[in-house]
Every structure is written in structure tokens, then in C-alpha cells.
Amino acid sequence: MKGSNNRYNTGQSVNIIETGEVVTILKWQYVKNMKRYSYIVKEHPSTFYFEEELQNL
């Protein structure tokens, strides 16, 4: 997506801050009414996370 300011990209490995689990970003999207990005990870495809719940390795 051109001009996006999301912190993480598809295929990138990140940590879930709360659990310390290493996961891979499967999909991301901008949630317009919340004005932030949400991410779906490969290991938990039925759950989404916001940027502040994830961190770089």
C-alpha cells in the first residue's frame, strides 16, 4: 500500500508483547474509525492484534 505508515509488513516475524511468542504477520489493515493498524498473524488467524501489542524481534 503506497504511503502507508504501518509498523509491520506481511511475512515479518514479531513478538506478541503479552506472551513473548514469536509470530509471523499474515495480513494487516488500517482500521479507519479507530485510526490505527490491525494485524492478523499466521499462528492465530482468528485473532487480530494492534501495533501496540506487537514488537520487533
C-alpha atoms as a PDB file:
ATOM      1  CA  MET A   1       0.000   0.000   0.000  1.00  0.00           C
ATOM      2  CA  LYS A   2       1.561   3.274  -1.094  1.00  0.00           C
ATOM      3  CA  GLY A   3       2.121   5.854   1.622  1.00  0.00           C
ATOM      4  CA  SER A   4       1.122   3.595   4.489  1.00  0.00           C
ATOM      5  CA  ASN A   5       2.619   4.192   7.905  1.00  0.00           C
ATOM      6  CA  ASN A   6       2.123   0.732   9.332  1.00  0.00           C
ATOM      7  CA  ARG A   7       4.935  -0.552  11.501  1.00  0.00           C
ATOM      8  CA  TYR A   8       4.978  -4.187  10.349  1.00  0.00           C
ATOM      9  CA  ASN A   9       4.733  -5.877   6.941  1.00  0.00           C
ATOM     10  CA  THR A  10       3.316  -9.161   5.671  1.00  0.00           C
ATOM     11  CA  GLY A  11       5.745 -12.030   6.310  1.00  0.00           C
ATOM     12  CA  GLN A  12       7.623 -10.196   9.073  1.00  0.00           C
ATOM     13  CA  SER A  13       8.310 -12.027  12.360  1.00  0.00           C
ATOM     14  CA  VAL A  14       7.383 -10.147  15.529  1.00  0.00           C
ATOM     15  CA  ASN A  15       6.797 -10.811  19.238  1.00  0.00           C
ATOM     16  CA  ILE A  16       3.428 -10.639  20.949  1.00  0.00           C
ATOM     17  CA  ILE A  17       4.342  -8.460  23.938  1.00  0.00           C
ATOM     18  CA  GLU A  18       1.954 -10.113  26.404  1.00  0.00           C
ATOM     19  CA  THR A  19       3.084 -13.707  25.784  1.00  0.00           C
ATOM     20  CA  GLY A  20       6.549 -13.277  24.244  1.00  0.00           C
ATOM     21  CA  GLU A  21       5.506 -15.626  21.424  1.00  0.00           C
ATOM     22  CA  VAL A  22       7.207 -15.154  18.048  1.00  0.00           C
ATOM     23  CA  VAL A  23       4.609 -14.907  15.263  1.00  0.00           C
ATOM     24  CA  THR A  24       4.513 -14.045  11.551  1.00  0.00           C
ATOM     25  CA  ILE A  25       2.332 -11.262  10.135  1.00  0.00           C
ATOM     26  CA  LEU A  26      -0.204 -12.799   7.741  1.00  0.00           C
ATOM     27  CA  LYS A  27      -2.262  -9.701   6.912  1.00  0.00           C
ATOM     28  CA  TRP A  28      -2.615  -6.098   8.024  1.00  0.00           C
ATOM     29  CA  GLN A  29      -5.186  -3.377   7.516  1.00  0.00           C
ATOM     30  CA  TYR A  30      -5.953   0.171   8.601  1.00  0.00           C
ATOM     31  CA  VAL A  31      -8.997   0.480  10.861  1.00  0.00           C
ATOM     32  CA  LYS A  32     -10.293   3.876   9.829  1.00  0.00           C
ATOM     33  CA  ASN A  33     -12.730   4.538  12.680  1.00  0.00           C
ATOM     34  CA  MET A  34     -10.040   3.646  15.267  1.00  0.00           C
ATOM     35  CA  LYS A  35      -7.259   5.372  13.300  1.00  0.00           C
ATOM     36  CA  ARG A  36      -4.768   2.535  13.769  1.00  0.00           C
ATOM     37  CA  TYR A  37      -3.496  -0.639  12.105  1.00  0.00           C
ATOM     38  CA  SER A  38      -4.587  -4.167  12.965  1.00  0.00           C
ATOM     39  CA  TYR A  39      -2.639  -7.330  12.191  1.00  0.00           C
ATOM     40  CA  ILE A  40      -3.614 -10.969  11.741  1.00  0.00           C
ATOM     41  CA  VAL A  41      -0.826 -13.425  12.480  1.00  0.00           C
ATOM     42  CA  LYS A  42      -0.244 -16.826  10.882  1.00  0.00           C
ATOM     43  CA  GLU A  43      -0.202 -18.705  14.194  1.00  0.00           C
ATOM     44  CA  HIS A  44      -3.559 -17.263  15.403  1.00  0.00           C
ATOM     45  CA  PRO A  45      -5.584 -16.430  12.269  1.00  0.00           C
ATOM     46  CA  SER A  46      -8.859 -15.899  14.152  1.00  0.00           C
ATOM     47  CA  THR A  47      -7.369 -13.160  16.370  1.00  0.00           C
ATOM     48  CA  PHE A  48      -6.179  -9.696  15.456  1.00  0.00           C
ATOM     49  CA  TYR A  49      -3.620  -7.521  17.212  1.00  0.00           C
ATOM     50  CA  PHE A  50      -2.947  -3.788  17.179  1.00  0.00           C
ATOM     51  CA  GLU A  51       0.546  -2.319  16.667  1.00  0.00           C
ATOM     52  CA  GLU A  52       0.992  -1.570  20.361  1.00  0.00           C
ATOM     53  CA  GLU A  53       0.506  -5.273  21.182  1.00  0.00           C
ATOM     54  CA  LEU A  54       3.433  -6.331  18.969  1.00  0.00           C
ATOM     55  CA  GLN A  55       7.169  -5.585  18.914  1.00  0.00           C
ATOM     56  CA  ASN A  56      10.104  -6.167  16.575  1.00  0.00           C
ATOM     57  CA  LEU A  57      12.453  -9.064  17.286  1.00  0.00           C
END
